[in-house]
Amino acid sequence: MEKNKKNDKFIIAIDGPASSGKSTTAKELAKRLEYVYLDTGAMYRACGLEAYRQKISLDDIPKLTKMMQNIKVEIKYSLPNNIVLLNGEDVSLAIREPHIGKLASDISAIGLVRAGMTDLQRKLGENKGIVMDGRDIGTVVFPNAEYKFFMVADLDERAHRRFLEEQEKGSTKTFAEVKDELAQRDYNDSHRDIAPLKQAEDAILIDSTHLTISEQVEKIIELIGKRK
């Protein structure tokens, strides 16, 4: 495929709940289109990690405000995964710890944190030619994105995917525990007051329950009229 000219590039927003396949699909899609991939969830994980390291309670707004004034989150574009720098330190692995994932969900519901990361995400997408996945990309971060997709999957299927991931990391969690955690994450993300998880009115719904990653990518490429 020939590289896109700058004025032909656009923003692709992919939203959806945890383990719906959006991140893996977004990474592969960006690779196929020769676009930049940005995992916005990693940015909130970095904020959660910093709060954890500083032992800041998430209801301590003054300390969180000071943290956000001093924090520096950078994304280095790299495949297969972005490199995430927190105050200059590569925390790409540290932010994937299960307890940081829970913190990320909680801290992302705080207005001052959300505002700071949203501003950064918008700056990163100024030149377009980018695929972003998250929970509010199509509704809040880039409501005018040229292409929006909302990925879903059956809870049991998503729990199965997450359970396998947890096992690979040596987790002893049961399937039931993983499923309960996902269900709670879904509720928290969709019921928060600020930028809740929801499908944008103009987003295309993609159910990945019975689709492979390759099939998901092909479906999106077909929909946006791009071919390898």
C-alpha atoms as a PDB file:
ATOM      1  CA  MET A   1       0.000   0.000   0.000  1.00  0.00           C
ATOM      2  CA  GLU A   2       1.308   3.462  -0.848  1.00  0.00           C
ATOM      3  CA  LYS A   3       1.788   5.830   2.024  1.00  0.00           C
ATOM      4  CA  ASN A   4      -1.076   8.272   2.512  1.00  0.00           C
ATOM      5  CA  LYS A   5      -0.479  11.899   1.711  1.00  0.00           C
ATOM      6  CA  LYS A   6      -0.749  14.125   4.773  1.00  0.00           C
ATOM      7  CA  ASN A   7      -4.016  15.707   3.672  1.00  0.00           C
ATOM      8  CA  ASP A   8      -5.504  12.268   3.060  1.00  0.00           C
ATOM      9  CA  LYS A   9      -4.871  11.070   6.589  1.00  0.00           C
ATOM     10  CA  PHE A  10      -7.587  10.856   9.170  1.00  0.00           C
ATOM     11  CA  ILE A  11      -8.322   9.900  12.759  1.00  0.00           C
ATOM     12  CA  ILE A  12      -9.780   6.490  13.522  1.00  0.00           C
ATOM     13  CA  ALA A  13     -11.437   6.200  16.932  1.00  0.00           C
ATOM     14  CA  ILE A  14     -12.045   2.741  18.375  1.00  0.00           C
ATOM     15  CA  ASP A  15     -13.927   2.583  21.665  1.00  0.00           C
ATOM     16  CA  GLY A  16     -15.327  -0.257  23.698  1.00  0.00           C
ATOM     17  CA  PRO A  17     -15.232  -2.110  27.019  1.00  0.00           C
ATOM     18  CA  ALA A  18     -12.264  -4.055  28.369  1.00  0.00           C
ATOM     19  CA  SER A  19     -11.224  -7.182  26.420  1.00  0.00           C
ATOM     20  CA  SER A  20     -13.513  -6.395  23.498  1.00  0.00           C
ATOM     21  CA  GLY A  21     -10.513  -6.664  21.179  1.00  0.00           C
ATOM     22  CA  LYS A  22     -10.144  -2.957  20.498  1.00  0.00           C
ATOM     23  CA  SER A  23      -6.478  -2.563  21.437  1.00  0.00           C
ATOM     24  CA  THR A  24      -5.175  -5.557  19.492  1.00  0.00           C
ATOM     25  CA  THR A  25      -7.334  -4.624  16.521  1.00  0.00           C
ATOM     26  CA  ALA A  26      -6.256  -0.974  16.680  1.00  0.00           C
ATOM     27  CA  LYS A  27      -2.574  -1.940  16.723  1.00  0.00           C
ATOM     28  CA  GLU A  28      -2.923  -4.227  13.713  1.00  0.00           C
ATOM     29  CA  LEU A  29      -5.068  -1.706  11.867  1.00  0.00           C
ATOM     30  CA  ALA A  30      -2.469   1.027  12.375  1.00  0.00           C
ATOM     31  CA  LYS A  31       0.208  -1.312  11.077  1.00  0.00           C
ATOM     32  CA  ARG A  32      -1.814  -2.141   7.969  1.00  0.00           C
ATOM     33  CA  LEU A  33      -2.592   1.498   7.220  1.00  0.00           C
ATOM     34  CA  GLU A  34       0.896   2.710   8.171  1.00  0.00           C
ATOM     35  CA  TYR A  35      -0.671   4.956  10.782  1.00  0.00           C
ATOM     36  CA  VAL A  36       0.395   5.738  14.343  1.00  0.00           C
ATOM     37  CA  TYR A  37      -1.259   3.692  17.083  1.00  0.00           C
ATOM     38  CA  LEU A  38      -2.039   5.304  20.432  1.00  0.00           C
ATOM     39  CA  ASP A  39      -3.208   3.279  23.423  1.00  0.00           C
ATOM     40  CA  THR A  40      -4.940   5.961  25.491  1.00  0.00           C
ATOM     41  CA  GLY A  41      -5.662   3.516  28.301  1.00  0.00           C
ATOM     42  CA  ALA A  42      -1.922   3.309  28.921  1.00  0.00           C
ATOM     43  CA  MET A  43      -1.909   7.019  29.708  1.00  0.00           C
ATOM     44  CA  TYR A  44      -4.427   6.560  32.513  1.00  0.00           C
ATOM     45  CA  ARG A  45      -2.494   3.550  33.746  1.00  0.00           C
ATOM     46  CA  ALA A  46       0.579   5.780  33.977  1.00  0.00           C
ATOM     47  CA  CYS A  47      -1.392   8.270  36.070  1.00  0.00           C
ATOM     48  CA  GLY A  48      -2.625   5.433  38.271  1.00  0.00           C
ATOM     49  CA  LEU A  49       0.923   4.146  38.694  1.00  0.00           C
ATOM     50  CA  GLU A  50       2.175   7.576  39.739  1.00  0.00           C
ATOM     51  CA  ALA A  51      -0.605   7.940  42.314  1.00  0.00           C
ATOM     52  CA  TYR A  52       0.201   4.457  43.604  1.00  0.00           C
ATOM     53  CA  ARG A  53       3.895   5.234  43.910  1.00  0.00           C
ATOM     54  CA  GLN A  54       3.216   8.501  45.715  1.00  0.00           C
ATOM     55  CA  LYS A  55       0.627   6.782  47.922  1.00  0.00           C
ATOM     56  CA  ILE A  56      -1.969   9.390  46.965  1.00  0.00           C
ATOM     57  CA  SER A  57      -5.567   8.602  47.808  1.00  0.00           C
ATOM     58  CA  LEU A  58      -7.851   9.203  44.852  1.00  0.00           C
ATOM     59  CA  ASP A  59     -10.118  11.373  46.986  1.00  0.00           C
ATOM     60  CA  ASP A  60      -7.235  13.684  47.896  1.00  0.00           C
ATOM     61  CA  ILE A  61      -7.860  16.287  45.207  1.00  0.00           C
ATOM     62  CA  PRO A  62      -5.142  18.767  46.336  1.00  0.00           C
ATOM     63  CA  LYS A  63      -2.428  16.098  46.099  1.00  0.00           C
ATOM     64  CA  LEU A  64      -3.808  14.771  42.811  1.00  0.00           C
ATOM     65  CA  THR A  65      -3.838  18.304  41.435  1.00  0.00           C
ATOM     66  CA  LYS A  66      -0.187  18.756  42.370  1.00  0.00           C
ATOM     67  CA  MET A  67       0.647  15.355  40.876  1.00  0.00           C
ATOM     68  CA  MET A  68      -1.008  16.247  37.574  1.00  0.00           C
ATOM     69  CA  GLN A  69       0.814  19.583  37.466  1.00  0.00           C
ATOM     70  CA  ASN A  70       4.155  17.809  37.685  1.00  0.00           C
ATOM     71  CA  ILE A  71       3.533  14.520  35.881  1.00  0.00           C
ATOM     72  CA  LYS A  72       5.008  13.932  32.448  1.00  0.00           C
ATOM     73  CA  VAL A  73       3.490  11.146  30.391  1.00  0.00           C
ATOM     74  CA  GLU A  74       5.013  10.450  26.998  1.00  0.00           C
ATOM     75  CA  ILE A  75       4.110   7.925  24.327  1.00  0.00           C
ATOM     76  CA  LYS A  76       6.814   6.666  22.012  1.00  0.00           C
ATOM     77  CA  TYR A  77       5.322   5.099  18.934  1.00  0.00           C
ATOM     78  CA  SER A  78       6.586   1.557  18.507  1.00  0.00           C
ATOM     79  CA  LEU A  79       5.160  -1.757  17.339  1.00  0.00           C
ATOM     80  CA  PRO A  80       3.836  -4.069  18.581  1.00  0.00           C
ATOM     81  CA  ASN A  81       3.211  -1.871  21.651  1.00  0.00           C
ATOM     82  CA  ASN A  82       3.702   1.788  22.460  1.00  0.00           C
ATOM     83  CA  ILE A  83       6.505   2.621  24.839  1.00  0.00           C
ATOM     84  CA  VAL A  84       5.087   4.545  27.795  1.00  0.00           C
ATOM     85  CA  LEU A  85       7.358   6.938  29.658  1.00  0.00           C
ATOM     86  CA  LEU A  86       6.421   8.252  33.079  1.00  0.00           C
ATOM     87  CA  ASN A  87       8.632  11.172  34.071  1.00  0.00           C
ATOM     88  CA  GLY A  88      11.258   9.807  31.705  1.00  0.00           C
ATOM     89  CA  GLU A  89      11.071   6.191  32.942  1.00  0.00           C
ATOM     90  CA  ASP A  90       9.901   3.346  30.713  1.00  0.00           C
ATOM     91  CA  VAL A  91       6.892   1.943  32.591  1.00  0.00           C
ATOM     92  CA  SER A  92       5.444  -0.063  29.706  1.00  0.00           C
ATOM     93  CA  LEU A  93       5.480  -3.258  31.788  1.00  0.00           C
ATOM     94  CA  ALA A  94       4.790  -1.750  35.208  1.00  0.00           C
ATOM     95  CA  ILE A  95       1.476  -0.231  34.097  1.00  0.00           C
ATOM     96  CA  ARG A  96       0.179  -3.667  33.046  1.00  0.00           C
ATOM     97  CA  GLU A  97       0.058  -5.004  36.583  1.00  0.00           C
ATOM     98  CA  PRO A  98      -3.559  -5.945  37.510  1.00  0.00           C
ATOM     99  CA  HIS A  99      -3.785  -3.538  40.468  1.00  0.00           C
ATOM    100  CA  ILE A 100      -2.730  -0.658  38.221  1.00  0.00           C
ATOM    101  CA  GLY A 101      -5.523  -1.534  35.791  1.00  0.00           C
ATOM    102  CA  LYS A 102      -8.067  -1.061  38.582  1.00  0.00           C
ATOM    103  CA  LEU A 103      -6.431   2.228  39.579  1.00  0.00           C
ATOM    104  CA  ALA A 104      -6.540   3.400  35.970  1.00  0.00           C
ATOM    105  CA  SER A 105     -10.287   2.849  35.819  1.00  0.00           C
ATOM    106  CA  ASP A 106     -10.830   4.770  39.061  1.00  0.00           C
ATOM    107  CA  ILE A 107      -8.462   7.655  38.338  1.00  0.00           C
ATOM    108  CA  SER A 108      -9.856   8.140  34.831  1.00  0.00           C
ATOM    109  CA  ALA A 109     -13.170   9.155  36.389  1.00  0.00           C
ATOM    110  CA  ILE A 110     -11.555  12.164  38.094  1.00  0.00           C
ATOM    111  CA  GLY A 111     -12.142  15.375  36.178  1.00  0.00           C
ATOM    112  CA  LEU A 112      -8.728  17.001  36.501  1.00  0.00           C
ATOM    113  CA  VAL A 113      -6.984  13.786  35.415  1.00  0.00           C
ATOM    114  CA  ARG A 114      -9.358  13.306  32.506  1.00  0.00           C
ATOM    115  CA  ALA A 115      -8.893  16.892  31.334  1.00  0.00           C
ATOM    116  CA  GLY A 116      -5.105  16.632  31.390  1.00  0.00           C
ATOM    117  CA  MET A 117      -4.976  13.381  29.450  1.00  0.00           C
ATOM    118  CA  THR A 118      -7.639  14.503  26.968  1.00  0.00           C
ATOM    119  CA  ASP A 119      -5.600  17.601  26.123  1.00  0.00           C
ATOM    120  CA  LEU A 120      -2.508  15.441  25.576  1.00  0.00           C
ATOM    121  CA  GLN A 121      -4.413  12.987  23.386  1.00  0.00           C
ATOM    122  CA  ARG A 122      -5.728  15.811  21.220  1.00  0.00           C
ATOM    123  CA  LYS A 123      -2.220  17.195  20.756  1.00  0.00           C
ATOM    124  CA  LEU A 124      -0.943  13.766  19.752  1.00  0.00           C
ATOM    125  CA  GLY A 125      -3.676  13.490  17.144  1.00  0.00           C
ATOM    126  CA  GLU A 126      -3.253  16.927  15.585  1.00  0.00           C
ATOM    127  CA  ASN A 127      -1.451  15.610  12.503  1.00  0.00           C
ATOM    128  CA  LYS A 128      -4.006  12.840  12.000  1.00  0.00           C
ATOM    129  CA  GLY A 129      -2.898   9.541  10.518  1.00  0.00           C
ATOM    130  CA  ILE A 130      -3.569   7.963  13.904  1.00  0.00           C
ATOM    131  CA  VAL A 131      -5.601   5.103  15.370  1.00  0.00           C
ATOM    132  CA  MET A 132      -6.693   5.692  18.956  1.00  0.00           C
ATOM    133  CA  ASP A 133      -8.483   3.232  21.166  1.00  0.00           C
ATOM    134  CA  GLY A 134     -10.119   3.937  24.486  1.00  0.00           C
ATOM    135  CA  ARG A 135     -13.521   4.517  25.999  1.00  0.00           C
ATOM    136  CA  ASP A 136     -14.335   8.107  25.026  1.00  0.00           C
ATOM    137  CA  ILE A 137     -12.297   8.773  21.885  1.00  0.00           C
ATOM    138  CA  GLY A 138     -15.283   9.071  19.561  1.00  0.00           C
ATOM    139  CA  THR A 139     -17.523  10.842  22.064  1.00  0.00           C
ATOM    140  CA  VAL A 140     -15.177  13.279  23.837  1.00  0.00           C
ATOM    141  CA  VAL A 141     -11.562  13.319  22.655  1.00  0.00           C
ATOM    142  CA  PHE A 142     -12.254  13.397  18.921  1.00  0.00           C
ATOM    143  CA  PRO A 143     -16.019  13.764  18.377  1.00  0.00           C
ATOM    144  CA  ASN A 144     -15.269  14.831  14.793  1.00  0.00           C
ATOM    145  CA  ALA A 145     -13.051  11.848  13.981  1.00  0.00           C
ATOM    146  CA  GLU A 146     -13.540  10.770  10.381  1.00  0.00           C
ATOM    147  CA  TYR A 147     -14.127   7.152  11.380  1.00  0.00           C
ATOM    148  CA  LYS A 148     -15.511   5.809  14.628  1.00  0.00           C
ATOM    149  CA  PHE A 149     -15.994   2.229  15.709  1.00  0.00           C
ATOM    150  CA  PHE A 150     -17.450   0.790  18.895  1.00  0.00           C
ATOM    151  CA  MET A 151     -16.355  -2.739  19.671  1.00  0.00           C
ATOM    152  CA  VAL A 152     -18.300  -5.076  21.913  1.00  0.00           C
ATOM    153  CA  ALA A 153     -18.252  -8.771  22.773  1.00  0.00           C
ATOM    154  CA  ASP A 154     -20.214 -11.108  24.993  1.00  0.00           C
ATOM    155  CA  LEU A 155     -19.140 -10.846  28.664  1.00  0.00           C
ATOM    156  CA  ASP A 156     -18.304 -14.552  28.848  1.00  0.00           C
ATOM    157  CA  GLU A 157     -16.094 -14.273  25.776  1.00  0.00           C
ATOM    158  CA  ARG A 158     -14.339 -11.195  27.117  1.00  0.00           C
ATOM    159  CA  ALA A 159     -13.836 -12.889  30.471  1.00  0.00           C
ATOM    160  CA  HIS A 160     -12.360 -15.913  28.713  1.00  0.00           C
ATOM    161  CA  ARG A 161      -9.894 -13.690  26.861  1.00  0.00           C
ATOM    162  CA  ARG A 162      -8.895 -11.872  30.036  1.00  0.00           C
ATOM    163  CA  PHE A 163      -8.676 -15.128  32.005  1.00  0.00           C
ATOM    164  CA  LEU A 164      -6.164 -16.533  29.495  1.00  0.00           C
ATOM    165  CA  GLU A 165      -4.136 -13.318  29.689  1.00  0.00           C
ATOM    166  CA  GLU A 166      -4.105 -13.516  33.482  1.00  0.00           C
ATOM    167  CA  GLN A 167      -2.996 -17.148  33.408  1.00  0.00           C
ATOM    168  CA  GLU A 168      -0.091 -16.287  31.115  1.00  0.00           C
ATOM    169  CA  LYS A 169       1.038 -13.778  33.739  1.00  0.00           C
ATOM    170  CA  GLY A 170       0.864 -16.406  36.472  1.00  0.00           C
ATOM    171  CA  SER A 171      -2.358 -15.163  38.054  1.00  0.00           C
ATOM    172  CA  THR A 172      -4.320 -17.551  40.279  1.00  0.00           C
ATOM    173  CA  LYS A 173      -7.647 -15.797  39.732  1.00  0.00           C
ATOM    174  CA  THR A 174     -10.581 -18.019  38.835  1.00  0.00           C
ATOM    175  CA  PHE A 175     -12.684 -17.459  35.726  1.00  0.00           C
ATOM    176  CA  ALA A 176     -15.566 -16.310  37.946  1.00  0.00           C
ATOM    177  CA  GLU A 177     -13.358 -13.706  39.630  1.00  0.00           C
ATOM    178  CA  VAL A 178     -12.140 -12.369  36.289  1.00  0.00           C
ATOM    179  CA  LYS A 179     -15.695 -12.199  34.976  1.00  0.00           C
ATOM    180  CA  ASP A 180     -16.904 -10.352  38.081  1.00  0.00           C
ATOM    181  CA  GLU A 181     -14.049  -7.842  37.784  1.00  0.00           C
ATOM    182  CA  LEU A 182     -14.887  -7.176  34.132  1.00  0.00           C
ATOM    183  CA  ALA A 183     -18.572  -6.728  34.922  1.00  0.00           C
ATOM    184  CA  GLN A 184     -17.690  -4.225  37.661  1.00  0.00           C
ATOM    185  CA  ARG A 185     -15.281  -2.417  35.313  1.00  0.00           C
ATOM    186  CA  ASP A 186     -18.042  -2.193  32.700  1.00  0.00           C
ATOM    187  CA  TYR A 187     -20.419  -0.700  35.255  1.00  0.00           C
ATOM    188  CA  ASN A 188     -17.886   1.801  36.560  1.00  0.00           C
ATOM    189  CA  ASP A 189     -16.830   2.919  33.078  1.00  0.00           C
ATOM    190  CA  SER A 190     -20.372   3.354  31.787  1.00  0.00           C
ATOM    191  CA  HIS A 191     -21.777   5.043  34.906  1.00  0.00           C
ATOM    192  CA  ARG A 192     -19.070   7.591  35.712  1.00  0.00           C
ATOM    193  CA  ASP A 193     -20.143  11.220  35.509  1.00  0.00           C
ATOM    194  CA  ILE A 194     -17.241  12.310  33.306  1.00  0.00           C
ATOM    195  CA  ALA A 195     -16.823  10.888  29.789  1.00  0.00           C
ATOM    196  CA  PRO A 196     -18.677   7.616  30.413  1.00  0.00           C
ATOM    197  CA  LEU A 197     -18.185   4.646  28.129  1.00  0.00           C
ATOM    198  CA  LYS A 198     -20.868   4.776  25.462  1.00  0.00           C
ATOM    199  CA  GLN A 199     -21.222   4.374  21.735  1.00  0.00           C
ATOM    200  CA  ALA A 200     -21.070   7.596  19.752  1.00  0.00           C
ATOM    201  CA  GLU A 201     -24.198   8.123  17.682  1.00  0.00           C
ATOM    202  CA  ASP A 202     -22.205   7.957  14.458  1.00  0.00           C
ATOM    203  CA  ALA A 203     -19.934   5.068  15.487  1.00  0.00           C
ATOM    204  CA  ILE A 204     -20.163   1.728  13.701  1.00  0.00           C
ATOM    205  CA  LEU A 205     -20.855  -1.171  16.057  1.00  0.00           C
ATOM    206  CA  ILE A 206     -18.631  -4.230  15.680  1.00  0.00           C
ATOM    207  CA  ASP A 207     -19.368  -7.370  17.697  1.00  0.00           C
ATOM    208  CA  SER A 208     -16.095  -9.265  18.034  1.00  0.00           C
ATOM    209  CA  THR A 209     -17.529 -12.216  19.975  1.00  0.00           C
ATOM    210  CA  HIS A 210     -17.083 -14.644  17.075  1.00  0.00           C
ATOM    211  CA  LEU A 211     -14.454 -12.760  15.067  1.00  0.00           C
ATOM    212  CA  THR A 212     -10.718 -13.330  14.957  1.00  0.00           C
ATOM    213  CA  ILE A 213      -8.419 -10.306  15.161  1.00  0.00           C
ATOM    214  CA  SER A 214      -7.728 -10.656  11.454  1.00  0.00           C
ATOM    215  CA  GLU A 215     -11.445 -10.663  10.679  1.00  0.00           C
ATOM    216  CA  GLN A 216     -11.977  -7.594  12.846  1.00  0.00           C
ATOM    217  CA  VAL A 217      -9.235  -5.694  11.043  1.00  0.00           C
ATOM    218  CA  GLU A 218     -10.470  -6.729   7.602  1.00  0.00           C
ATOM    219  CA  LYS A 219     -13.990  -5.635   8.503  1.00  0.00           C
ATOM    220  CA  ILE A 220     -12.800  -2.175   9.545  1.00  0.00           C
ATOM    221  CA  ILE A 221     -10.538  -1.773   6.512  1.00  0.00           C
ATOM    222  CA  GLU A 222     -13.429  -2.687   4.247  1.00  0.00           C
ATOM    223  CA  LEU A 223     -15.661  -0.179   5.996  1.00  0.00           C
ATOM    224  CA  ILE A 224     -13.215   2.692   5.602  1.00  0.00           C
ATOM    225  CA  GLY A 225     -12.443   1.766   2.027  1.00  0.00           C
ATOM    226  CA  LYS A 226      -8.775   1.042   2.610  1.00  0.00           C
ATOM    227  CA  ARG A 227      -6.992  -2.003   1.260  1.00  0.00           C
ATOM    228  CA  LYS A 228      -3.601  -3.441   1.990  1.00  0.00           C
END
